[in-house]
Structure formats: C-alpha cells, structure tokens
Amino acid sequence: MNRIAIIIARGGSKRIHRKNIKPFNGIPIIFYPIKVALDSGLFSDVMVSTDDDEIKQISLDLGAKVPFKRSDKNSNDFATSFDVVEEVLNNYREIGKSFDEACLIYPTAVFINVSLLLKAFKLLSEKKFDSVFPVLKYSHPIQRAILLDEAGAIKYIRQECKLSRTQDLKAHYHDSGQFYVFKTRQILIKRQLITNKSGAFQISEMQAHDIDNLVDWEIAEFKIKFR
C-alpha cells in the first residue's frame, strides 16, 4: 500500500507563539509526530507542509521531507486542514507521485503512537471507511450542559435531562485532535476529511490532549511525564 504521512505545521500561531516548534519537555514539539511516523514503517513518505523556513529546517533535521513550500493562501487562519492536504496531494501529482492512503497528523500530537496508527488503518481497510480518527468521550453527559448568562444565572440546554442520572444518558464523543487516516481518492472527491462514511475509535484521556493554550501545554507535559 502506497501511503504518505502529512504533518501540517504553519509558522503563524496566535495563541501560543511558535507553537509548532516550541520545546515540549525540552524537544521541539513537532519531533513527536515525525518520529512516530518514521518509526512506524507505514509510510513511503513522511513530509511536513509548512510556510516557515525554521520549521522546514527542523523538520529536515528530524528526518522528514519538505518537498514543497505551503502557499500563502493555505497558510492563513482561514485555511482548513483539507485545503492543506489537497494542496500537498496536488503538488505530488505534478511530479508524478500519488498515494492510495494518507495520514494527516497535527504537529502537537505528542501522544500519537504506532499502535494507534495501526488500529486506524485496520479500521479504514476492514470497515471500508473513507477516513478514520481517534475520539475522546465527553467526561460529563453533554445532555446536561448548562448555559450562563451575564449575571451568572443558569439555564439547562435540555431541560428534560436536568434530573436525569448521568449513567442513564447516552455517551457522546469529540475529535481528539491528533490525526486522520484516509483514502485519498474518496477524500479528494468529497472535498472533506470527515465524510458521511467516516469511522472513529475511542481512546482514553491519557492518550491525548488538545493543545490550544499554555495551560493545555502544561497539562500535556504533565501527562507525558506521568506516563
């Protein structure tokens, strides 16, 4: 199977300055997904899509490829992950290379490991999904979510669930923000990473942490040290 790992790491980061190469436990954070992708042996190419020269050099030093510079159009705050993937695959096609399957990995996916990738690709193949990604279960039933107004008064989003026991409410899940594996043809046709034929598998809270701010960063570092 001809596969590519695409690690997307633009230079601009508003909430955490230089987030994609900021030291995480003393090592540039992008080291973690690059190493796992390379060590997995699952990919014929492990590349980083970036618009930033420093990120490019660090990625090359870590063993990844950076064959193309990301366009300005796909380096702003409004470009989607699919936009970047589409650009990468089109750039490869222009030099005569194509891939049957791919994996988009976020540069801050420090908890990614080979077993998770293997599980995702197995589901992709066996269940004939377009894409597969890991999810986390909400720690508290979202049916009992509460809104607060400016005065601090509460309002249940679903009044009928206000007195329900948590164990009686159906579990809900959210994207863990780590990676997606997918069949390139279907994704390019449908022009989205999550389609009406996508699948997912649950991971634990100790297997992921979405890093959006400095508090998230500190919690993720704590989890890594604890593990």
C-alpha atoms as a PDB file:
ATOM      1  CA  MET A   1       0.000   0.000   0.000  1.00  0.00           C
ATOM      2  CA  ASN A   2       1.374   3.390  -1.042  1.00  0.00           C
ATOM      3  CA  ARG A   3       0.910   5.784   1.892  1.00  0.00           C
ATOM      4  CA  ILE A   4       2.025   9.266   2.898  1.00  0.00           C
ATOM      5  CA  ALA A   5       2.115  10.990   6.301  1.00  0.00           C
ATOM      6  CA  ILE A   6       1.370  14.709   6.080  1.00  0.00           C
ATOM      7  CA  ILE A   7       2.283  16.760   9.140  1.00  0.00           C
ATOM      8  CA  ILE A   8       0.838  20.248   8.847  1.00  0.00           C
ATOM      9  CA  ALA A   9       2.807  22.989  10.639  1.00  0.00           C
ATOM     10  CA  ARG A  10       2.415  26.600   9.595  1.00  0.00           C
ATOM     11  CA  GLY A  11       4.556  29.329  11.097  1.00  0.00           C
ATOM     12  CA  GLY A  12       1.780  31.606  12.343  1.00  0.00           C
ATOM     13  CA  SER A  13       0.295  30.726  15.723  1.00  0.00           C
ATOM     14  CA  LYS A  14      -1.813  33.244  17.579  1.00  0.00           C
ATOM     15  CA  ARG A  15      -2.425  31.677  20.985  1.00  0.00           C
ATOM     16  CA  ILE A  16       0.996  30.065  21.565  1.00  0.00           C
ATOM     17  CA  HIS A  17       3.936  31.803  19.885  1.00  0.00           C
ATOM     18  CA  ARG A  18       5.848  29.459  17.525  1.00  0.00           C
ATOM     19  CA  LYS A  19       3.760  26.595  18.879  1.00  0.00           C
ATOM     20  CA  ASN A  20       4.731  24.008  16.289  1.00  0.00           C
ATOM     21  CA  ILE A  21       8.429  24.070  17.203  1.00  0.00           C
ATOM     22  CA  LYS A  22       8.204  25.271  20.811  1.00  0.00           C
ATOM     23  CA  PRO A  23      10.201  22.961  23.144  1.00  0.00           C
ATOM     24  CA  PHE A  24       7.966  20.330  24.725  1.00  0.00           C
ATOM     25  CA  ASN A  25       9.821  18.619  27.570  1.00  0.00           C
ATOM     26  CA  GLY A  26      12.957  20.120  26.048  1.00  0.00           C
ATOM     27  CA  ILE A  27      12.368  18.912  22.460  1.00  0.00           C
ATOM     28  CA  PRO A  28      10.655  20.762  19.564  1.00  0.00           C
ATOM     29  CA  ILE A  29       7.086  19.518  19.759  1.00  0.00           C
ATOM     30  CA  ILE A  30       6.995  18.526  16.089  1.00  0.00           C
ATOM     31  CA  PHE A  31       9.627  15.872  16.899  1.00  0.00           C
ATOM     32  CA  TYR A  32       6.965  13.577  18.390  1.00  0.00           C
ATOM     33  CA  PRO A  33       4.715  13.060  15.329  1.00  0.00           C
ATOM     34  CA  ILE A  34       7.676  12.974  12.934  1.00  0.00           C
ATOM     35  CA  LYS A  35       9.439  10.259  14.930  1.00  0.00           C
ATOM     36  CA  VAL A  36       6.327   8.088  15.267  1.00  0.00           C
ATOM     37  CA  ALA A  37       5.510   8.389  11.564  1.00  0.00           C
ATOM     38  CA  LEU A  38       9.071   7.459  10.586  1.00  0.00           C
ATOM     39  CA  ASP A  39       9.369   4.632  13.118  1.00  0.00           C
ATOM     40  CA  SER A  40       6.015   3.111  12.147  1.00  0.00           C
ATOM     41  CA  GLY A  41       7.226   1.915   8.750  1.00  0.00           C
ATOM     42  CA  LEU A  42       3.727   2.579   7.430  1.00  0.00           C
ATOM     43  CA  PHE A  43       4.616   5.385   5.038  1.00  0.00           C
ATOM     44  CA  SER A  44       6.641   5.690   1.854  1.00  0.00           C
ATOM     45  CA  ASP A  45       6.865   9.446   2.516  1.00  0.00           C
ATOM     46  CA  VAL A  46       6.777  11.415   5.769  1.00  0.00           C
ATOM     47  CA  MET A  47       6.507  15.094   4.885  1.00  0.00           C
ATOM     48  CA  VAL A  48       5.873  18.386   6.625  1.00  0.00           C
ATOM     49  CA  SER A  49       3.733  21.065   4.994  1.00  0.00           C
ATOM     50  CA  THR A  50       4.924  24.474   6.153  1.00  0.00           C
ATOM     51  CA  ASP A  51       5.382  28.049   5.040  1.00  0.00           C
ATOM     52  CA  ASP A  52       8.130  28.661   7.593  1.00  0.00           C
ATOM     53  CA  ASP A  53      11.874  28.274   6.955  1.00  0.00           C
ATOM     54  CA  GLU A  54      12.754  27.468  10.565  1.00  0.00           C
ATOM     55  CA  ILE A  55      10.082  24.771  10.787  1.00  0.00           C
ATOM     56  CA  LYS A  56      11.314  23.413   7.461  1.00  0.00           C
ATOM     57  CA  GLN A  57      14.907  23.123   8.683  1.00  0.00           C
ATOM     58  CA  ILE A  58      13.964  21.491  11.993  1.00  0.00           C
ATOM     59  CA  SER A  59      11.717  19.023  10.160  1.00  0.00           C
ATOM     60  CA  LEU A  60      14.513  18.134   7.735  1.00  0.00           C
ATOM     61  CA  ASP A  61      16.927  17.689  10.640  1.00  0.00           C
ATOM     62  CA  LEU A  62      14.459  15.273  12.241  1.00  0.00           C
ATOM     63  CA  GLY A  63      14.265  13.176   9.075  1.00  0.00           C
ATOM     64  CA  ALA A  64      11.060  14.378   7.448  1.00  0.00           C
ATOM     65  CA  LYS A  65      10.782  15.631   3.870  1.00  0.00           C
ATOM     66  CA  VAL A  66       9.723  19.160   2.953  1.00  0.00           C
ATOM     67  CA  PRO A  67       9.483  18.964  -0.832  1.00  0.00           C
ATOM     68  CA  PHE A  68       7.135  21.930  -1.266  1.00  0.00           C
ATOM     69  CA  LYS A  69       6.554  25.229   0.475  1.00  0.00           C
ATOM     70  CA  ARG A  70       2.977  25.776   1.555  1.00  0.00           C
ATOM     71  CA  SER A  71       1.231  28.529  -0.374  1.00  0.00           C
ATOM     72  CA  ASP A  72       0.298  31.828   1.269  1.00  0.00           C
ATOM     73  CA  LYS A  73      -3.343  31.051   0.559  1.00  0.00           C
ATOM     74  CA  ASN A  74      -3.206  27.937   2.736  1.00  0.00           C
ATOM     75  CA  SER A  75      -1.090  29.490   5.489  1.00  0.00           C
ATOM     76  CA  ASN A  76      -3.653  31.904   6.903  1.00  0.00           C
ATOM     77  CA  ASP A  77      -6.156  31.482   9.738  1.00  0.00           C
ATOM     78  CA  PHE A  78      -8.967  30.527   7.375  1.00  0.00           C
ATOM     79  CA  ALA A  79      -7.357  27.619   5.502  1.00  0.00           C
ATOM     80  CA  THR A  80      -8.742  24.249   6.537  1.00  0.00           C
ATOM     81  CA  SER A  81      -6.827  21.038   7.096  1.00  0.00           C
ATOM     82  CA  PHE A  82      -8.419  19.680   3.941  1.00  0.00           C
ATOM     83  CA  ASP A  83      -7.154  22.680   1.953  1.00  0.00           C
ATOM     84  CA  VAL A  84      -3.594  21.853   3.006  1.00  0.00           C
ATOM     85  CA  VAL A  85      -3.972  18.137   2.267  1.00  0.00           C
ATOM     86  CA  GLU A  86      -5.414  18.861  -1.160  1.00  0.00           C
ATOM     87  CA  GLU A  87      -2.515  21.182  -1.959  1.00  0.00           C
ATOM     88  CA  VAL A  88       0.058  18.583  -0.856  1.00  0.00           C
ATOM     89  CA  LEU A  89      -1.502  15.782  -2.888  1.00  0.00           C
ATOM     90  CA  ASN A  90      -1.814  18.020  -5.954  1.00  0.00           C
ATOM     91  CA  ASN A  91       1.840  19.058  -5.630  1.00  0.00           C
ATOM     92  CA  TYR A  92       2.909  15.431  -5.522  1.00  0.00           C
ATOM     93  CA  ARG A  93       0.720  14.615  -8.500  1.00  0.00           C
ATOM     94  CA  GLU A  94       2.505  17.299 -10.509  1.00  0.00           C
ATOM     95  CA  ILE A  95       5.810  15.451 -10.014  1.00  0.00           C
ATOM     96  CA  GLY A  96       4.254  12.099 -10.893  1.00  0.00           C
ATOM     97  CA  LYS A  97       3.624  10.704  -7.401  1.00  0.00           C
ATOM     98  CA  SER A  98       0.297   9.561  -5.972  1.00  0.00           C
ATOM     99  CA  PHE A  99      -0.810   7.764  -2.825  1.00  0.00           C
ATOM    100  CA  ASP A 100      -3.626   5.328  -2.108  1.00  0.00           C
ATOM    101  CA  GLU A 101      -3.902   6.239   1.559  1.00  0.00           C
ATOM    102  CA  ALA A 102      -2.666   9.080   3.729  1.00  0.00           C
ATOM    103  CA  CYS A 103      -2.469  10.243   7.297  1.00  0.00           C
ATOM    104  CA  LEU A 104      -2.808  13.865   8.326  1.00  0.00           C
ATOM    105  CA  ILE A 105      -1.043  14.428  11.658  1.00  0.00           C
ATOM    106  CA  TYR A 106      -1.144  17.610  13.700  1.00  0.00           C
ATOM    107  CA  PRO A 107       2.283  18.866  14.858  1.00  0.00           C
ATOM    108  CA  THR A 108       1.227  18.959  18.512  1.00  0.00           C
ATOM    109  CA  ALA A 109       0.035  15.324  18.562  1.00  0.00           C
ATOM    110  CA  VAL A 110       2.545  14.333  21.231  1.00  0.00           C
ATOM    111  CA  PHE A 111       0.582  11.268  22.348  1.00  0.00           C
ATOM    112  CA  ILE A 112       0.422   9.643  18.934  1.00  0.00           C
ATOM    113  CA  ASN A 113       1.955   6.156  18.734  1.00  0.00           C
ATOM    114  CA  VAL A 114       2.345   3.352  16.239  1.00  0.00           C
ATOM    115  CA  SER A 115      -0.409   1.194  17.746  1.00  0.00           C
ATOM    116  CA  LEU A 116      -2.952   3.984  17.253  1.00  0.00           C
ATOM    117  CA  LEU A 117      -1.938   4.374  13.621  1.00  0.00           C
ATOM    118  CA  LEU A 118      -2.152   0.615  13.042  1.00  0.00           C
ATOM    119  CA  LYS A 119      -5.608   0.484  14.611  1.00  0.00           C
ATOM    120  CA  ALA A 120      -6.824   3.356  12.455  1.00  0.00           C
ATOM    121  CA  PHE A 121      -5.542   1.868   9.198  1.00  0.00           C
ATOM    122  CA  LYS A 122      -7.005  -1.526  10.125  1.00  0.00           C
ATOM    123  CA  LEU A 123     -10.446   0.039  10.617  1.00  0.00           C
ATOM    124  CA  LEU A 124     -10.063   2.001   7.390  1.00  0.00           C
ATOM    125  CA  SER A 125      -9.463  -1.226   5.485  1.00  0.00           C
ATOM    126  CA  GLU A 126     -11.807  -3.648   7.232  1.00  0.00           C
ATOM    127  CA  LYS A 127     -14.822  -1.344   7.504  1.00  0.00           C
ATOM    128  CA  LYS A 128     -14.218   0.347   4.142  1.00  0.00           C
ATOM    129  CA  PHE A 129     -14.455   3.817   5.637  1.00  0.00           C
ATOM    130  CA  ASP A 130     -13.351   6.950   3.786  1.00  0.00           C
ATOM    131  CA  SER A 131     -11.477   8.139   6.880  1.00  0.00           C
ATOM    132  CA  VAL A 132     -10.859   7.135  10.491  1.00  0.00           C
ATOM    133  CA  PHE A 133      -9.738   9.156  13.512  1.00  0.00           C
ATOM    134  CA  PRO A 134      -9.464   8.748  17.314  1.00  0.00           C
ATOM    135  CA  VAL A 135     -12.094  10.300  19.582  1.00  0.00           C
ATOM    136  CA  LEU A 136     -12.481  11.081  23.273  1.00  0.00           C
ATOM    137  CA  LYS A 137     -15.636  10.594  25.319  1.00  0.00           C
ATOM    138  CA  TYR A 138     -17.038  13.714  26.956  1.00  0.00           C
ATOM    139  CA  SER A 139     -16.322  13.377  30.681  1.00  0.00           C
ATOM    140  CA  HIS A 140     -19.819  14.606  31.570  1.00  0.00           C
ATOM    141  CA  PRO A 141     -23.023  13.995  29.582  1.00  0.00           C
ATOM    142  CA  ILE A 142     -23.490  16.866  27.142  1.00  0.00           C
ATOM    143  CA  GLN A 143     -27.278  16.473  27.506  1.00  0.00           C
ATOM    144  CA  ARG A 144     -26.879  18.193  30.886  1.00  0.00           C
ATOM    145  CA  ALA A 145     -24.838  21.116  29.560  1.00  0.00           C
ATOM    146  CA  ILE A 146     -25.534  24.464  31.229  1.00  0.00           C
ATOM    147  CA  LEU A 147     -25.538  27.994  29.842  1.00  0.00           C
ATOM    148  CA  LEU A 148     -24.603  31.000  31.980  1.00  0.00           C
ATOM    149  CA  ASP A 149     -25.876  34.496  31.317  1.00  0.00           C
ATOM    150  CA  GLU A 150     -24.006  37.699  32.196  1.00  0.00           C
ATOM    151  CA  ALA A 151     -25.470  37.701  35.708  1.00  0.00           C
ATOM    152  CA  GLY A 152     -24.381  34.120  36.329  1.00  0.00           C
ATOM    153  CA  ALA A 153     -27.877  32.641  36.125  1.00  0.00           C
ATOM    154  CA  ILE A 154     -28.006  29.132  34.695  1.00  0.00           C
ATOM    155  CA  LYS A 155     -30.124  27.512  32.028  1.00  0.00           C
ATOM    156  CA  TYR A 156     -30.045  23.851  31.048  1.00  0.00           C
ATOM    157  CA  ILE A 157     -29.751  23.356  27.304  1.00  0.00           C
ATOM    158  CA  ARG A 158     -32.034  20.338  27.602  1.00  0.00           C
ATOM    159  CA  GLN A 159     -34.465  20.888  30.443  1.00  0.00           C
ATOM    160  CA  GLU A 160     -35.814  17.347  30.133  1.00  0.00           C
ATOM    161  CA  CYS A 161     -32.401  15.977  31.142  1.00  0.00           C
ATOM    162  CA  LYS A 162     -31.961  18.226  34.187  1.00  0.00           C
ATOM    163  CA  LEU A 163     -32.782  15.465  36.662  1.00  0.00           C
ATOM    164  CA  SER A 164     -31.531  12.500  34.633  1.00  0.00           C
ATOM    165  CA  ARG A 165     -28.893  10.261  36.140  1.00  0.00           C
ATOM    166  CA  THR A 166     -25.617  10.588  34.255  1.00  0.00           C
ATOM    167  CA  GLN A 167     -25.368   6.812  33.791  1.00  0.00           C
ATOM    168  CA  ASP A 168     -28.737   6.806  32.021  1.00  0.00           C
ATOM    169  CA  LEU A 169     -27.652   9.267  29.334  1.00  0.00           C
ATOM    170  CA  LYS A 170     -26.045   8.184  26.077  1.00  0.00           C
ATOM    171  CA  ALA A 171     -22.303   8.813  25.777  1.00  0.00           C
ATOM    172  CA  HIS A 172     -21.063  11.381  23.249  1.00  0.00           C
ATOM    173  CA  TYR A 173     -17.598  11.825  21.773  1.00  0.00           C
ATOM    174  CA  HIS A 174     -15.403  14.508  20.238  1.00  0.00           C
ATOM    175  CA  ASP A 175     -12.400  14.587  17.920  1.00  0.00           C
ATOM    176  CA  SER A 176      -9.170  14.096  19.882  1.00  0.00           C
ATOM    177  CA  GLY A 177      -7.295  16.487  17.569  1.00  0.00           C
ATOM    178  CA  GLN A 178      -4.468  14.064  16.750  1.00  0.00           C
ATOM    179  CA  PHE A 179      -4.696  12.602  13.255  1.00  0.00           C
ATOM    180  CA  TYR A 180      -6.880  11.300  10.432  1.00  0.00           C
ATOM    181  CA  VAL A 181      -6.124   8.349   8.173  1.00  0.00           C
ATOM    182  CA  PHE A 182      -7.978   8.325   4.887  1.00  0.00           C
ATOM    183  CA  LYS A 183      -8.290   7.041   1.344  1.00  0.00           C
ATOM    184  CA  THR A 184      -7.024   9.850  -0.827  1.00  0.00           C
ATOM    185  CA  ARG A 185      -9.379   9.318  -3.771  1.00  0.00           C
ATOM    186  CA  GLN A 186     -12.560   9.479  -1.680  1.00  0.00           C
ATOM    187  CA  ILE A 187     -11.376  12.474   0.314  1.00  0.00           C
ATOM    188  CA  LEU A 188     -10.456  14.453  -2.798  1.00  0.00           C
ATOM    189  CA  ILE A 189     -13.785  13.634  -4.435  1.00  0.00           C
ATOM    190  CA  LYS A 190     -15.845  14.605  -1.374  1.00  0.00           C
ATOM    191  CA  ARG A 191     -13.533  17.512  -0.507  1.00  0.00           C
ATOM    192  CA  GLN A 192     -13.557  16.937   3.230  1.00  0.00           C
ATOM    193  CA  LEU A 193     -11.646  14.827   5.751  1.00  0.00           C
ATOM    194  CA  ILE A 194     -14.737  13.697   7.653  1.00  0.00           C
ATOM    195  CA  THR A 195     -17.385  12.361   5.302  1.00  0.00           C
ATOM    196  CA  ASN A 196     -20.710  10.589   5.631  1.00  0.00           C
ATOM    197  CA  LYS A 197     -18.666   7.379   5.575  1.00  0.00           C
ATOM    198  CA  SER A 198     -16.079   8.105   8.256  1.00  0.00           C
ATOM    199  CA  GLY A 199     -15.341   5.987  11.318  1.00  0.00           C
ATOM    200  CA  ALA A 200     -13.716   6.524  14.697  1.00  0.00           C
ATOM    201  CA  PHE A 201     -12.395   4.665  17.716  1.00  0.00           C
ATOM    202  CA  GLN A 202     -12.270   5.746  21.338  1.00  0.00           C
ATOM    203  CA  ILE A 203      -9.044   6.492  23.184  1.00  0.00           C
ATOM    204  CA  SER A 204      -8.547   7.420  26.845  1.00  0.00           C
ATOM    205  CA  GLU A 205      -7.904  10.849  28.347  1.00  0.00           C
ATOM    206  CA  MET A 206      -4.311   9.756  28.971  1.00  0.00           C
ATOM    207  CA  GLN A 207      -3.784   9.119  25.243  1.00  0.00           C
ATOM    208  CA  ALA A 208      -4.490  12.652  24.045  1.00  0.00           C
ATOM    209  CA  HIS A 209      -4.661  16.312  24.979  1.00  0.00           C
ATOM    210  CA  ASP A 210      -5.594  19.067  22.567  1.00  0.00           C
ATOM    211  CA  ILE A 211      -3.109  21.938  22.996  1.00  0.00           C
ATOM    212  CA  ASP A 212      -4.768  25.304  22.350  1.00  0.00           C
ATOM    213  CA  ASN A 213      -3.247  27.468  25.091  1.00  0.00           C
ATOM    214  CA  LEU A 214      -0.417  27.497  27.622  1.00  0.00           C
ATOM    215  CA  VAL A 215      -2.489  25.740  30.287  1.00  0.00           C
ATOM    216  CA  ASP A 216      -3.184  22.919  27.824  1.00  0.00           C
ATOM    217  CA  TRP A 217       0.555  22.811  27.140  1.00  0.00           C
ATOM    218  CA  GLU A 218       1.404  22.385  30.830  1.00  0.00           C
ATOM    219  CA  ILE A 219      -1.248  19.682  31.296  1.00  0.00           C
ATOM    220  CA  ALA A 220       0.052  17.776  28.274  1.00  0.00           C
ATOM    221  CA  GLU A 221       3.623  17.943  29.587  1.00  0.00           C
ATOM    222  CA  PHE A 222       2.390  16.635  32.947  1.00  0.00           C
ATOM    223  CA  LYS A 223       0.596  13.749  31.266  1.00  0.00           C
ATOM    224  CA  ILE A 224       3.682  12.808  29.261  1.00  0.00           C
ATOM    225  CA  LYS A 225       5.868  12.841  32.377  1.00  0.00           C
ATOM    226  CA  PHE A 226       3.283  10.829  34.318  1.00  0.00           C
ATOM    227  CA  ARG A 227       3.175   8.176  31.615  1.00  0.00           C
END
